[in-house]
Amino acid sequence: QVQLVEHGGGLVQPGGSPRLSCSASGRIFRVNVMGWYRQAPGKQRELVATISNGGYTNYADSVKGRFTISRDNAKNTVYLQMNSLKPEDTAVYYCNGNVLAPMRGDYWGQGTQVAVSS
């Protein structure tokens, strides 16, 4: 069974720079694309950023230039460095991984709250 577990988040002041991490564990053959999504209260879940196992990245326009996604393939871990946080970044952030274990499937973490407020 594959599990994705997120760490980080919490209450952050505007302009803050927290880092989220998410590690995949279980009987994993390979982790393909990993990504971060977020869901604000009353809104649909939206893409934040994705990264392929080759390092190709994709970002939502709202976070370009402020957030950086990276990964450590040896640890099956993806990171999200968030800079210059704004109140509108407040949301539950979810990690996603497309995992071969041994069948390919999409897995989600439990989510971690990021609240941007002074």
C-alpha atoms as a PDB file:
ATOM      1  CA  GLN A   1       0.000   0.000   0.000  1.00  0.00           C
ATOM      2  CA  VAL A   2       1.309   3.422  -0.977  1.00  0.00           C
ATOM      3  CA  GLN A   3       1.102   6.326   1.437  1.00  0.00           C
ATOM      4  CA  LEU A   4       1.906   9.982   0.899  1.00  0.00           C
ATOM      5  CA  VAL A   5       2.553  11.979   4.051  1.00  0.00           C
ATOM      6  CA  GLU A   6       2.914  15.751   4.086  1.00  0.00           C
ATOM      7  CA  HIS A   7       4.808  17.876   6.578  1.00  0.00           C
ATOM      8  CA  GLY A   8       5.011  21.619   7.060  1.00  0.00           C
ATOM      9  CA  GLY A   9       2.416  24.306   6.889  1.00  0.00           C
ATOM     10  CA  GLY A  10       0.655  26.001   9.759  1.00  0.00           C
ATOM     11  CA  LEU A  11       0.043  29.666  10.470  1.00  0.00           C
ATOM     12  CA  VAL A  12       2.332  31.965   8.492  1.00  0.00           C
ATOM     13  CA  GLN A  13       2.552  35.723   8.311  1.00  0.00           C
ATOM     14  CA  PRO A  14       2.148  37.471   4.962  1.00  0.00           C
ATOM     15  CA  GLY A  15       5.472  37.469   3.184  1.00  0.00           C
ATOM     16  CA  GLY A  16       6.548  34.301   4.968  1.00  0.00           C
ATOM     17  CA  SER A  17       8.477  31.430   3.390  1.00  0.00           C
ATOM     18  CA  PRO A  18       7.449  28.021   4.661  1.00  0.00           C
ATOM     19  CA  ARG A  19       8.421  24.760   3.009  1.00  0.00           C
ATOM     20  CA  LEU A  20       6.179  21.764   2.588  1.00  0.00           C
ATOM     21  CA  SER A  21       7.441  18.245   2.096  1.00  0.00           C
ATOM     22  CA  CYS A  22       5.729  15.029   1.085  1.00  0.00           C
ATOM     23  CA  SER A  23       7.203  11.553   1.160  1.00  0.00           C
ATOM     24  CA  ALA A  24       5.837   8.492  -0.572  1.00  0.00           C
ATOM     25  CA  SER A  25       6.290   5.132   1.095  1.00  0.00           C
ATOM     26  CA  GLY A  26       5.268   1.554   0.494  1.00  0.00           C
ATOM     27  CA  ARG A  27       6.081  -1.054  -2.087  1.00  0.00           C
ATOM     28  CA  ILE A  28       6.999   1.471  -4.771  1.00  0.00           C
ATOM     29  CA  PHE A  29       8.622   0.615  -8.060  1.00  0.00           C
ATOM     30  CA  ARG A  30       8.800   4.178  -9.334  1.00  0.00           C
ATOM     31  CA  VAL A  31       7.252   7.550  -8.617  1.00  0.00           C
ATOM     32  CA  ASN A  32       6.413   9.446 -11.774  1.00  0.00           C
ATOM     33  CA  VAL A  33       4.940  12.939 -11.647  1.00  0.00           C
ATOM     34  CA  MET A  34       4.537  14.444  -8.195  1.00  0.00           C
ATOM     35  CA  GLY A  35       2.680  17.601  -7.455  1.00  0.00           C
ATOM     36  CA  TRP A  36       0.995  19.942  -5.050  1.00  0.00           C
ATOM     37  CA  TYR A  37      -2.609  21.006  -5.180  1.00  0.00           C
ATOM     38  CA  ARG A  38      -4.576  23.245  -2.863  1.00  0.00           C
ATOM     39  CA  GLN A  39      -8.149  23.809  -1.860  1.00  0.00           C
ATOM     40  CA  ALA A  40      -9.330  27.018  -0.279  1.00  0.00           C
ATOM     41  CA  PRO A  41     -12.610  27.184   1.667  1.00  0.00           C
ATOM     42  CA  GLY A  42     -15.554  27.165  -0.696  1.00  0.00           C
ATOM     43  CA  LYS A  43     -13.376  26.590  -3.755  1.00  0.00           C
ATOM     44  CA  GLN A  44     -12.408  23.643  -5.900  1.00  0.00           C
ATOM     45  CA  ARG A  45      -9.062  21.944  -5.572  1.00  0.00           C
ATOM     46  CA  GLU A  46      -6.555  23.516  -7.928  1.00  0.00           C
ATOM     47  CA  LEU A  47      -3.127  22.726  -9.264  1.00  0.00           C
ATOM     48  CA  VAL A  48      -0.213  24.522  -7.627  1.00  0.00           C
ATOM     49  CA  ALA A  49       2.805  22.853  -9.210  1.00  0.00           C
ATOM     50  CA  THR A  50       3.995  19.554 -10.630  1.00  0.00           C
ATOM     51  CA  ILE A  51       7.386  18.019 -11.265  1.00  0.00           C
ATOM     52  CA  SER A  52       8.333  14.999 -13.342  1.00  0.00           C
ATOM     53  CA  ASN A  53      10.931  12.490 -12.210  1.00  0.00           C
ATOM     54  CA  GLY A  54      13.205  14.132 -14.747  1.00  0.00           C
ATOM     55  CA  GLY A  55      12.778  17.507 -13.099  1.00  0.00           C
ATOM     56  CA  TYR A  56      10.397  19.152 -15.568  1.00  0.00           C
ATOM     57  CA  THR A  57       8.223  21.617 -13.640  1.00  0.00           C
ATOM     58  CA  ASN A  58       4.862  23.261 -14.184  1.00  0.00           C
ATOM     59  CA  TYR A  59       3.294  26.021 -12.094  1.00  0.00           C
ATOM     60  CA  ALA A  60      -0.027  27.725 -11.738  1.00  0.00           C
ATOM     61  CA  ASP A  61       0.174  31.343 -12.881  1.00  0.00           C
ATOM     62  CA  SER A  62      -0.804  32.515  -9.390  1.00  0.00           C
ATOM     63  CA  VAL A  63       2.370  31.061  -7.833  1.00  0.00           C
ATOM     64  CA  LYS A  64       4.944  31.501 -10.605  1.00  0.00           C
ATOM     65  CA  GLY A  65       7.996  33.308  -9.330  1.00  0.00           C
ATOM     66  CA  ARG A  66       7.018  32.762  -5.687  1.00  0.00           C
ATOM     67  CA  PHE A  67       6.831  28.978  -5.249  1.00  0.00           C
ATOM     68  CA  THR A  68       9.434  26.403  -6.195  1.00  0.00           C
ATOM     69  CA  ILE A  69       8.768  22.683  -6.472  1.00  0.00           C
ATOM     70  CA  SER A  70      11.622  20.199  -6.219  1.00  0.00           C
ATOM     71  CA  ARG A  71      12.090  16.529  -5.498  1.00  0.00           C
ATOM     72  CA  ASP A  72      14.539  13.967  -4.217  1.00  0.00           C
ATOM     73  CA  ASN A  73      13.985  10.836  -6.265  1.00  0.00           C
ATOM     74  CA  ALA A  74      16.121   8.703  -3.946  1.00  0.00           C
ATOM     75  CA  LYS A  75      13.783   9.567  -1.071  1.00  0.00           C
ATOM     76  CA  ASN A  76      10.542   9.641  -3.095  1.00  0.00           C
ATOM     77  CA  THR A  77      10.003  13.090  -1.644  1.00  0.00           C
ATOM     78  CA  VAL A  78       8.670  16.279  -3.153  1.00  0.00           C
ATOM     79  CA  TYR A  79       9.072  19.746  -1.692  1.00  0.00           C
ATOM     80  CA  LEU A  80       7.262  23.034  -2.132  1.00  0.00           C
ATOM     81  CA  GLN A  81       9.181  26.131  -1.153  1.00  0.00           C
ATOM     82  CA  MET A  82       6.693  28.953  -0.788  1.00  0.00           C
ATOM     83  CA  ASN A  83       7.934  32.534  -0.712  1.00  0.00           C
ATOM     84  CA  SER A  84       6.173  35.893  -0.435  1.00  0.00           C
ATOM     85  CA  LEU A  85       3.011  34.291   0.859  1.00  0.00           C
ATOM     86  CA  LYS A  86      -0.250  36.181   0.478  1.00  0.00           C
ATOM     87  CA  PRO A  87      -3.539  35.744   2.348  1.00  0.00           C
ATOM     88  CA  GLU A  88      -5.027  34.271  -0.824  1.00  0.00           C
ATOM     89  CA  ASP A  89      -2.550  31.399  -0.562  1.00  0.00           C
ATOM     90  CA  THR A  90      -4.474  30.182   2.469  1.00  0.00           C
ATOM     91  CA  ALA A  91      -5.684  26.657   1.729  1.00  0.00           C
ATOM     92  CA  VAL A  92      -5.250  23.003   2.497  1.00  0.00           C
ATOM     93  CA  TYR A  93      -2.305  21.807   0.444  1.00  0.00           C
ATOM     94  CA  TYR A  94      -2.374  18.269  -0.893  1.00  0.00           C
ATOM     95  CA  CYS A  95       0.474  16.200  -2.247  1.00  0.00           C
ATOM     96  CA  ASN A  96      -0.173  13.985  -5.251  1.00  0.00           C
ATOM     97  CA  GLY A  97       1.952  11.268  -6.747  1.00  0.00           C
ATOM     98  CA  ASN A  98       1.574   9.086  -9.815  1.00  0.00           C
ATOM     99  CA  VAL A  99       3.115   5.882  -8.541  1.00  0.00           C
ATOM    100  CA  LEU A 100       3.979   2.531 -10.058  1.00  0.00           C
ATOM    101  CA  ALA A 101       3.486   0.036  -7.214  1.00  0.00           C
ATOM    102  CA  PRO A 102       3.345  -2.250  -9.209  1.00  0.00           C
ATOM    103  CA  MET A 103       0.244  -1.002 -10.982  1.00  0.00           C
ATOM    104  CA  ARG A 104       0.188   2.681 -11.817  1.00  0.00           C
ATOM    105  CA  GLY A 105      -2.104   4.836  -9.740  1.00  0.00           C
ATOM    106  CA  ASP A 106      -2.637   8.343  -8.395  1.00  0.00           C
ATOM    107  CA  TYR A 107      -2.237   8.764  -4.665  1.00  0.00           C
ATOM    108  CA  TRP A 108      -3.003  11.702  -2.395  1.00  0.00           C
ATOM    109  CA  GLY A 109      -1.706  12.838   0.944  1.00  0.00           C
ATOM    110  CA  GLN A 110      -4.010  13.764   3.777  1.00  0.00           C
ATOM    111  CA  GLY A 111      -3.471  17.481   3.268  1.00  0.00           C
ATOM    112  CA  THR A 112      -1.764  20.125   5.367  1.00  0.00           C
ATOM    113  CA  GLN A 113      -3.256  23.483   6.265  1.00  0.00           C
ATOM    114  CA  VAL A 114      -1.448  26.675   5.362  1.00  0.00           C
ATOM    115  CA  ALA A 115      -3.020  29.807   6.813  1.00  0.00           C
ATOM    116  CA  VAL A 116      -1.569  33.188   5.870  1.00  0.00           C
ATOM    117  CA  SER A 117      -2.553  35.843   8.343  1.00  0.00           C
ATOM    118  CA  SER A 118      -1.033  38.604  10.419  1.00  0.00           C
END
